[in-house]
Amino acid sequence: MWKEIGGREAGQIRPNSFANRVKSHRLSTLQLSNYKEIVSPHKGSINSLQVDLTEERYLLSGASDSSVAVYDVQRATDYEGGGHIAKHRSVFVVDKQHEHGHKYAISSAIWYPVDTGLFVTGSYDHYVKVWDTNCTRVVMNFKMPGKVYRTAMSPLAASHMLIAAGTEDVQVRLCDIASGAISQTLSGHRDGIMTVEWSTSSEWILVTGGCDGAIRFWDIRRAGCFRVLDQSQSQLGRRPPLLKRKSLSAGQNSSVKPRAPQKRSANGNGVRQSSVGRIPAKGSVRQRLHPGMLSSQDRATAHYGAVTGLKVTEDGMYLLSAGSDSRIRLWDVESGRNTLVNFETVRLQTSKPIQLATTQDPAVVFVPCMTAVKAFDIWSGKTCLTFRGHYEYVNCCCFSSQDQ
């Protein structure tokens, strides 16, 4: 590391390259911290974790004992071991004794993306609740038709304040904080929805995974889903980088192939007829947009079993999915194809959703694998690190890009 620091001081290593080397080094040496301990007030399994998106300072957790807690992960409450071990106790806890608390297990707890003044919880008691952080009271209630498995809000949204809720019902519901009502339902899944995830490149695109094994893409401005991922439709490996256009010099113009003359259509003009509305030829794999999606494409599956986890990479180009078939798959978002990255065989939970985490690059994905957390290289599928220390099943993990 001192060699890299010397190269940076001498100007031999660029700032971005130096930062990437430091991050890679820190990732490769991640291990259980002996100097920081988060004291959990929960008496049941923790089902959801999220660090706020604004300061990356406050950690929100939801547990199966109907409690939700907030911790300050940057400022310790007290120290032990001669000041070497920092203890981070909860700033506040809301449990079932609260007058507006949940009655059953909390399955999802997320921050309002803009600031830490609000947070959202979803529970098996069929309610999605919006909380005021400062006075710990419920400011909005949304009644769902079944158990709430996962909730999500878009980190990019500037035009809407929608909470996507996946429940044991077959419809995805969009709850509008601005109006206090369920503004939209998305129909298409044939079983309950275990996980929902907003795109990190568009505020209008929502991705959902169901117990029917399907992963669906929705544009909430339109009716119906516009894409269903099919594990049999594949492309090999990582998408090639975009090539920069180079201006042709006078000497290069001679090597350019002349464009073939355009065929004249039957109506006499030279304009080529649009292919919109035509029936695709036999053997065509191009997916037709909704409405009119072929029934075989509409019934496509991404996993043999329920889709238990989804994570869109920070650049919005790839989607990671985990299923009850104990498979992890990497999808190209633009083409909607399976990249065929062979992730090493792992055992995953099958009865409840799991929460995945990725680094910003993206280079590594963290996956809860029974009693451990495994870090996989996204492009090779090989296990980089294995984190052990829990005594029971791990349900969720999150990665803080600021502290790494």
Protein backbone atom coordinates (compact mmCIF):
# COMPACT_ATOMS: atom_id res chain seq x y z
CA MET A 1 0.00 0.00 0.00
CA TRP A 2 2.89 2.40 0.74
CA LYS A 3 4.11 1.85 -2.80
CA GLU A 4 0.75 3.04 -4.17
CA ILE A 5 0.80 6.07 -1.86
CA GLY A 6 4.29 6.96 -3.09
CA GLY A 7 3.18 6.57 -6.71
CA ARG A 8 0.19 8.83 -6.06
CA GLU A 9 2.39 11.51 -4.48
CA ALA A 10 4.77 11.37 -7.42
CA GLY A 11 1.89 11.65 -9.88
CA GLN A 12 2.55 8.23 -11.39
CA ILE A 13 -0.89 6.88 -10.40
CA ARG A 14 -4.08 8.71 -11.33
CA PRO A 15 -6.57 9.61 -8.56
CA ASN A 16 -9.31 7.24 -9.79
CA SER A 17 -6.86 4.38 -10.15
CA PHE A 18 -5.49 5.01 -6.66
CA ALA A 19 -8.99 5.10 -5.13
CA ASN A 20 -9.93 1.84 -6.88
CA ARG A 21 -6.76 0.13 -5.61
CA VAL A 22 -7.48 1.24 -2.04
CA LYS A 23 -11.09 0.01 -2.27
CA SER A 24 -10.03 -3.33 -3.74
CA HIS A 25 -7.43 -3.78 -1.01
CA ARG A 26 -9.95 -3.00 1.73
CA LEU A 27 -12.52 -5.35 0.22
CA SER A 28 -10.02 -8.19 0.00
CA THR A 29 -9.17 -7.80 3.70
CA LEU A 30 -12.70 -7.49 5.09
CA GLN A 31 -13.19 -9.42 8.32
CA LEU A 32 -15.20 -9.35 11.52
CA SER A 33 -14.46 -6.10 13.34
CA ASN A 34 -12.94 -6.29 16.80
CA TYR A 35 -13.34 -2.56 17.41
CA LYS A 36 -17.01 -1.89 16.65
CA GLU A 37 -20.08 -3.63 18.02
CA ILE A 38 -23.72 -2.85 17.32
CA VAL A 39 -25.81 -3.79 20.37
CA SER A 40 -29.11 -5.15 19.05
CA PRO A 41 -32.26 -4.66 21.14
CA HIS A 42 -34.17 -7.21 19.01
CA LYS A 43 -35.29 -10.51 20.51
CA GLY A 44 -36.06 -12.14 17.17
CA SER A 45 -34.46 -12.61 13.77
CA ILE A 46 -33.51 -9.44 11.89
CA ASN A 47 -35.22 -9.42 8.49
CA SER A 48 -34.16 -6.08 7.04
CA LEU A 49 -31.21 -3.67 7.19
CA GLN A 50 -30.56 -0.36 5.46
CA VAL A 51 -28.13 2.50 5.91
CA ASP A 52 -29.65 5.87 5.00
CA LEU A 53 -28.87 7.15 1.51
CA THR A 54 -28.13 10.77 2.45
CA GLU A 55 -25.49 10.70 5.21
CA GLU A 56 -24.77 6.94 5.30
CA ARG A 57 -24.76 7.29 9.06
CA TYR A 58 -27.99 5.82 10.44
CA LEU A 59 -28.74 2.11 10.26
CA LEU A 60 -32.38 0.97 10.25
CA SER A 61 -33.30 -2.60 11.23
CA GLY A 62 -36.58 -4.50 11.36
CA ALA A 63 -37.07 -7.79 13.21
CA SER A 64 -39.50 -10.65 13.65
CA ASP A 65 -40.36 -9.55 17.22
CA SER A 66 -42.34 -6.63 15.68
CA SER A 67 -39.65 -4.10 16.58
CA VAL A 68 -37.71 -1.59 14.51
CA ALA A 69 -34.55 0.19 15.68
CA VAL A 70 -32.22 2.97 14.50
CA TYR A 71 -28.46 3.10 15.23
CA ASP A 72 -25.80 5.75 14.70
CA VAL A 73 -22.95 3.77 13.14
CA GLN A 74 -20.51 6.69 13.11
CA ARG A 75 -20.78 7.92 16.69
CA ALA A 76 -20.48 5.36 19.48
CA THR A 77 -22.66 5.61 22.60
CA ASP A 78 -19.95 4.22 24.90
CA TYR A 79 -16.64 2.37 24.89
CA GLU A 80 -15.37 -0.82 26.51
CA GLY A 81 -12.05 -2.61 26.83
CA GLY A 82 -10.11 0.47 27.76
CA GLY A 83 -11.70 2.51 25.01
CA HIS A 84 -10.80 0.10 22.21
CA ILE A 85 -14.27 -1.38 21.55
CA ALA A 86 -16.92 1.11 20.37
CA LYS A 87 -20.46 0.20 21.42
CA HIS A 88 -23.29 1.45 19.19
CA ARG A 89 -26.61 1.19 21.02
CA SER A 90 -29.91 2.00 19.36
CA VAL A 91 -30.98 5.64 19.19
CA PHE A 92 -34.59 4.52 19.63
CA VAL A 93 -36.69 1.36 19.38
CA VAL A 94 -40.33 0.98 18.37
CA ASP A 95 -41.91 -2.36 19.34
CA LYS A 96 -45.38 -3.88 19.63
CA GLN A 97 -45.94 -2.04 22.92
CA HIS A 98 -46.12 1.19 20.91
CA GLU A 99 -49.70 2.35 20.38
CA HIS A 100 -49.29 2.23 16.60
CA GLY A 101 -46.67 -0.52 16.40
CA HIS A 102 -46.93 -3.64 14.27
CA LYS A 103 -48.54 -6.72 15.80
CA TYR A 104 -46.55 -9.33 13.90
CA ALA A 105 -43.07 -9.72 12.38
CA ILE A 106 -41.59 -6.80 10.46
CA SER A 107 -40.36 -8.09 7.11
CA SER A 108 -39.09 -4.84 5.60
CA ALA A 109 -37.76 -1.52 6.95
CA ILE A 110 -36.49 1.17 4.56
CA TRP A 111 -35.52 4.83 4.77
CA TYR A 112 -37.25 7.59 2.86
CA PRO A 113 -34.62 8.25 0.14
CA VAL A 114 -34.51 12.04 0.45
CA ASP A 115 -33.80 12.38 4.19
CA THR A 116 -33.98 10.49 7.47
CA GLY A 117 -37.14 12.24 8.64
CA LEU A 118 -39.31 9.31 7.50
CA PHE A 119 -38.99 5.55 7.31
CA VAL A 120 -41.30 2.82 6.05
CA THR A 121 -42.05 -0.59 7.54
CA GLY A 122 -43.93 -3.58 6.17
CA SER A 123 -45.21 -6.41 8.33
CA TYR A 124 -46.95 -9.76 8.38
CA ASP A 125 -49.90 -7.99 10.03
CA HIS A 126 -50.90 -6.83 6.49
CA TYR A 127 -49.88 -3.19 7.03
CA VAL A 128 -47.36 -0.84 5.46
CA LYS A 129 -46.68 2.09 7.79
CA VAL A 130 -44.89 5.39 7.26
CA TRP A 131 -43.21 6.72 10.42
CA ASP A 132 -42.01 10.14 11.50
CA THR A 133 -38.48 9.55 12.80
CA ASN A 134 -38.34 12.57 15.11
CA CYS A 135 -41.46 11.76 17.14
CA THR A 136 -41.68 7.99 16.35
CA ARG A 137 -45.33 8.05 15.37
CA VAL A 138 -47.22 6.72 12.36
CA VAL A 139 -48.18 9.38 9.85
CA MET A 140 -49.68 7.04 7.23
CA ASN A 141 -51.19 3.54 7.10
CA PHE A 142 -51.73 1.31 4.07
CA LYS A 143 -53.82 -1.87 4.45
CA MET A 144 -52.68 -4.78 2.30
CA PRO A 145 -54.60 -7.96 1.36
CA GLY A 146 -51.96 -10.27 2.87
CA LYS A 147 -48.54 -10.54 4.49
CA VAL A 148 -46.08 -7.90 3.33
CA TYR A 149 -42.83 -9.49 2.19
CA ARG A 150 -40.90 -6.49 0.88
CA THR A 151 -41.23 -2.74 0.34
CA ALA A 152 -39.08 -0.42 -1.77
CA MET A 153 -38.79 3.24 -2.77
CA SER A 154 -36.92 4.61 -5.77
CA PRO A 155 -33.60 6.31 -4.85
CA LEU A 156 -33.92 8.51 -7.96
CA ALA A 157 -37.56 9.57 -7.82
CA ALA A 158 -38.19 13.27 -8.32
CA SER A 159 -41.70 13.02 -9.81
CA HIS A 160 -43.39 10.57 -7.44
CA MET A 161 -43.38 9.35 -3.83
CA LEU A 162 -44.41 5.73 -4.37
CA ILE A 163 -43.81 2.74 -2.11
CA ALA A 164 -43.83 -0.57 -3.99
CA ALA A 165 -45.18 -3.35 -1.78
CA GLY A 166 -44.83 -7.06 -2.52
CA THR A 167 -47.28 -9.25 -0.60
CA GLU A 168 -48.61 -12.80 -0.64
CA ASP A 169 -51.26 -11.49 -3.04
CA VAL A 170 -50.57 -11.79 -6.79
CA GLN A 171 -50.67 -8.01 -7.36
CA VAL A 172 -47.96 -5.45 -6.68
CA ARG A 173 -49.34 -2.34 -5.02
CA LEU A 174 -47.96 1.18 -5.30
CA CYS A 175 -48.71 3.30 -2.23
CA ASP A 176 -48.55 7.07 -2.75
CA ILE A 177 -47.27 9.03 0.26
CA ALA A 178 -48.43 12.30 -1.30
CA SER A 179 -52.10 11.24 -1.44
CA GLY A 180 -52.15 8.61 1.29
CA ALA A 181 -53.80 6.04 -0.98
CA ILE A 182 -52.91 3.02 -3.11
CA SER A 183 -52.54 4.66 -6.50
CA GLN A 184 -51.89 1.64 -8.71
CA THR A 185 -51.88 -2.16 -8.83
CA LEU A 186 -49.65 -4.19 -11.14
CA SER A 187 -51.09 -7.52 -12.29
CA GLY A 188 -49.17 -10.30 -13.98
CA HIS A 189 -47.67 -12.62 -11.38
CA ARG A 190 -49.43 -15.91 -10.71
CA ASP A 191 -48.37 -16.22 -7.09
CA GLY A 192 -47.22 -14.02 -4.21
CA ILE A 193 -44.48 -11.40 -4.71
CA MET A 194 -41.51 -11.99 -2.40
CA THR A 195 -39.21 -9.16 -3.52
CA VAL A 196 -39.41 -5.77 -5.25
CA GLU A 197 -36.60 -3.50 -6.44
CA TRP A 198 -36.55 -0.13 -8.21
CA SER A 199 -34.16 0.54 -11.06
CA THR A 200 -31.08 2.63 -10.28
CA SER A 201 -31.15 4.24 -13.74
CA SER A 202 -34.83 5.21 -14.13
CA GLU A 203 -37.37 6.34 -11.57
CA TRP A 204 -40.20 4.70 -13.55
CA ILE A 205 -38.88 1.14 -13.80
CA LEU A 206 -39.77 -1.44 -11.14
CA VAL A 207 -38.52 -5.04 -10.95
CA THR A 208 -40.46 -7.72 -9.07
CA GLY A 209 -39.80 -11.36 -8.23
CA GLY A 210 -42.56 -13.81 -7.36
CA CYS A 211 -43.18 -17.23 -5.92
CA ASP A 212 -44.06 -18.29 -9.48
CA GLY A 213 -40.36 -18.05 -10.40
CA ALA A 214 -40.89 -15.02 -12.65
CA ILE A 215 -38.98 -11.72 -12.67
CA ARG A 216 -41.01 -8.95 -14.27
CA PHE A 217 -40.06 -5.44 -15.38
CA TRP A 218 -42.71 -2.73 -15.11
CA ASP A 219 -42.92 0.81 -16.43
CA ILE A 220 -45.38 2.32 -13.98
CA ARG A 221 -46.51 4.84 -16.63
CA ARG A 222 -47.93 2.01 -18.74
CA ALA A 223 -50.33 -0.88 -18.24
CA GLY A 224 -48.81 -4.32 -17.81
CA CYS A 225 -45.21 -5.47 -17.59
CA PHE A 226 -42.95 -4.93 -20.60
CA ARG A 227 -40.44 -7.72 -19.93
CA VAL A 228 -40.36 -11.17 -18.34
CA LEU A 229 -36.91 -12.67 -17.83
CA ASP A 230 -36.36 -16.13 -19.28
CA GLN A 231 -33.49 -18.25 -17.99
CA SER A 232 -33.25 -20.04 -21.33
CA GLN A 233 -32.54 -16.78 -23.20
CA SER A 234 -28.86 -16.10 -22.62
CA GLN A 235 -25.77 -14.24 -23.73
CA LEU A 236 -22.22 -15.06 -22.76
CA GLY A 237 -20.52 -12.94 -20.13
CA ARG A 238 -20.17 -9.23 -19.64
CA ARG A 239 -21.54 -6.68 -22.11
CA PRO A 240 -18.70 -5.26 -24.27
CA PRO A 241 -17.86 -1.59 -23.63
CA LEU A 242 -19.21 1.04 -25.98
CA LEU A 243 -16.69 2.04 -28.64
CA LYS A 244 -16.09 5.74 -29.13
CA ARG A 245 -16.88 7.05 -32.56
CA LYS A 246 -13.81 8.13 -34.47
CA SER A 247 -14.04 10.77 -37.17
CA LEU A 248 -13.13 9.38 -40.57
CA SER A 249 -10.18 11.00 -42.29
CA ALA A 250 -9.99 11.55 -46.03
CA GLY A 251 -7.91 8.42 -46.45
CA GLN A 252 -10.40 6.30 -44.54
CA ASN A 253 -13.41 7.28 -46.62
CA SER A 254 -12.33 4.99 -49.45
CA SER A 255 -12.54 1.95 -47.17
CA VAL A 256 -16.13 2.59 -46.16
CA LYS A 257 -18.49 0.16 -47.82
CA PRO A 258 -21.21 1.81 -49.89
CA ARG A 259 -24.72 1.46 -48.51
CA ALA A 260 -26.88 -1.03 -50.37
CA PRO A 261 -29.66 0.60 -52.39
CA GLN A 262 -32.96 0.68 -50.52
CA LYS A 263 -35.59 -1.59 -51.91
CA ARG A 264 -38.65 0.16 -53.23
CA SER A 265 -41.87 -0.90 -51.61
CA ALA A 266 -45.02 -1.92 -53.41
CA ASN A 267 -46.60 1.50 -53.00
CA GLY A 268 -43.88 3.07 -55.16
CA ASN A 269 -42.09 5.25 -52.63
CA GLY A 270 -38.68 4.53 -51.18
CA VAL A 271 -39.78 4.55 -47.54
CA ARG A 272 -39.38 1.23 -45.79
CA GLN A 273 -42.53 -0.05 -44.13
CA SER A 274 -42.57 -0.18 -40.35
CA SER A 275 -42.39 -3.59 -38.72
CA VAL A 276 -44.63 -2.52 -35.82
CA GLY A 277 -47.74 -4.67 -35.71
CA ARG A 278 -46.33 -7.41 -37.91
CA ILE A 279 -46.29 -11.01 -36.77
CA PRO A 280 -42.65 -11.96 -36.15
CA ALA A 281 -41.20 -14.60 -38.45
CA LYS A 282 -40.76 -18.15 -37.26
CA GLY A 283 -37.63 -18.45 -35.13
CA SER A 284 -37.53 -14.75 -34.20
CA VAL A 285 -36.49 -14.19 -30.59
CA ARG A 286 -37.32 -10.49 -30.40
CA GLN A 287 -39.79 -9.91 -27.59
CA ARG A 288 -42.98 -8.07 -28.48
CA LEU A 289 -43.92 -5.21 -26.22
CA HIS A 290 -47.06 -5.17 -24.11
CA PRO A 291 -49.93 -5.34 -25.03
CA GLY A 292 -49.85 -8.50 -27.10
CA MET A 293 -47.01 -10.30 -25.32
CA LEU A 294 -46.84 -13.90 -26.46
CA SER A 295 -48.21 -16.34 -23.89
CA SER A 296 -45.02 -18.41 -23.98
CA GLN A 297 -42.94 -15.33 -23.12
CA ASP A 298 -45.41 -14.16 -20.49
CA ARG A 299 -45.06 -17.51 -18.67
CA ALA A 300 -41.24 -17.53 -18.74
CA THR A 301 -39.41 -18.23 -15.48
CA ALA A 302 -36.10 -16.95 -14.16
CA HIS A 303 -35.73 -19.58 -11.38
CA TYR A 304 -37.03 -23.06 -10.65
CA GLY A 305 -38.97 -21.97 -7.58
CA ALA A 306 -39.60 -18.67 -5.84
CA VAL A 307 -37.46 -15.59 -6.50
CA THR A 308 -36.25 -14.68 -3.00
CA GLY A 309 -33.83 -11.80 -3.68
CA LEU A 310 -33.19 -9.05 -6.24
CA LYS A 311 -30.45 -6.42 -6.46
CA VAL A 312 -29.85 -3.93 -9.26
CA THR A 313 -26.22 -2.82 -9.59
CA GLU A 314 -25.37 0.82 -8.90
CA ASP A 315 -24.90 1.60 -12.60
CA GLY A 316 -28.30 0.08 -13.45
CA MET A 317 -26.85 -2.18 -16.15
CA TYR A 318 -27.17 -5.55 -14.42
CA LEU A 319 -29.60 -7.37 -12.15
CA LEU A 320 -28.69 -10.06 -9.63
CA SER A 321 -31.33 -12.55 -8.55
CA ALA A 322 -31.47 -15.36 -5.99
CA GLY A 323 -34.03 -18.14 -5.87
CA SER A 324 -35.28 -20.96 -3.74
CA ASP A 325 -33.53 -23.28 -6.21
CA SER A 326 -30.28 -22.08 -4.50
CA ARG A 327 -29.13 -20.39 -7.70
CA ILE A 328 -27.75 -16.90 -8.21
CA ARG A 329 -28.07 -15.38 -11.67
CA LEU A 330 -26.73 -12.22 -13.31
CA TRP A 331 -28.95 -10.57 -15.95
CA ASP A 332 -28.20 -7.90 -18.52
CA VAL A 333 -30.94 -5.30 -17.99
CA GLU A 334 -30.83 -3.90 -21.53
CA SER A 335 -31.24 -7.21 -23.33
CA GLY A 336 -33.04 -9.06 -20.53
CA ARG A 337 -30.79 -12.09 -20.97
CA ASN A 338 -29.06 -14.44 -18.58
CA THR A 339 -25.30 -13.77 -18.76
CA LEU A 340 -24.50 -17.39 -17.83
CA VAL A 341 -22.09 -16.43 -15.04
CA ASN A 342 -21.64 -19.66 -13.11
CA PHE A 343 -21.88 -18.72 -9.43
CA GLU A 344 -20.55 -21.41 -7.14
CA THR A 345 -23.18 -23.67 -5.64
CA VAL A 346 -24.53 -22.41 -2.32
CA ARG A 347 -27.40 -23.16 0.02
CA LEU A 348 -29.95 -20.36 0.24
CA GLN A 349 -33.02 -19.95 2.40
CA THR A 350 -36.22 -20.98 0.66
CA SER A 351 -39.00 -19.90 3.03
CA LYS A 352 -38.39 -16.13 3.22
CA PRO A 353 -36.86 -13.27 1.20
CA ILE A 354 -33.17 -12.51 1.52
CA GLN A 355 -31.47 -9.15 1.06
CA LEU A 356 -28.43 -8.95 -1.21
CA ALA A 357 -25.81 -6.18 -1.29
CA THR A 358 -23.28 -5.04 -3.90
CA THR A 359 -20.27 -2.75 -4.01
CA GLN A 360 -20.40 0.41 -6.09
CA ASP A 361 -18.05 -0.81 -8.84
CA PRO A 362 -19.89 -3.29 -9.16
CA ALA A 363 -17.35 -6.03 -8.51
CA VAL A 364 -18.60 -8.01 -5.51
CA VAL A 365 -22.03 -9.21 -4.39
CA PHE A 366 -22.71 -10.23 -0.78
CA VAL A 367 -25.22 -13.07 -0.37
CA PRO A 368 -26.65 -14.52 2.88
CA CYS A 369 -25.94 -18.26 2.68
CA MET A 370 -27.57 -19.97 5.66
CA THR A 371 -25.35 -19.15 8.70
CA ALA A 372 -22.68 -17.30 6.68
CA VAL A 373 -22.35 -14.43 4.21
CA LYS A 374 -20.44 -15.10 1.01
CA ALA A 375 -18.87 -12.49 -1.25
CA PHE A 376 -18.85 -13.48 -4.94
CA ASP A 377 -16.99 -11.91 -7.81
CA ILE A 378 -19.83 -10.75 -10.06
CA TRP A 379 -18.08 -11.49 -13.36
CA SER A 380 -16.56 -14.89 -12.57
CA GLY A 381 -19.00 -16.22 -9.95
CA LYS A 382 -16.16 -17.38 -7.72
CA THR A 383 -16.25 -16.97 -3.94
CA CYS A 384 -13.94 -14.15 -2.82
CA LEU A 385 -14.60 -14.19 0.92
CA THR A 386 -16.74 -16.03 3.45
CA PHE A 387 -17.87 -14.22 6.59
CA ARG A 388 -18.68 -16.43 9.58
CA GLY A 389 -19.77 -15.36 13.03
CA HIS A 390 -23.56 -15.75 13.16
CA TYR A 391 -25.03 -18.72 15.02
CA GLU A 392 -28.34 -18.77 13.13
CA TYR A 393 -29.49 -18.12 9.57
CA VAL A 394 -28.50 -14.79 8.01
CA ASN A 395 -31.47 -13.03 6.38
CA CYS A 396 -30.02 -9.76 5.13
CA CYS A 397 -26.86 -7.74 4.61
CA CYS A 398 -26.04 -4.22 3.45
CA PHE A 399 -22.81 -2.58 2.31
CA SER A 400 -21.79 0.93 3.36
CA SER A 401 -19.82 2.49 0.51
CA GLN A 402 -18.51 5.26 2.78
CA ASP A 403 -16.93 3.01 5.44
CA GLN A 404 -16.59 -0.11 3.26
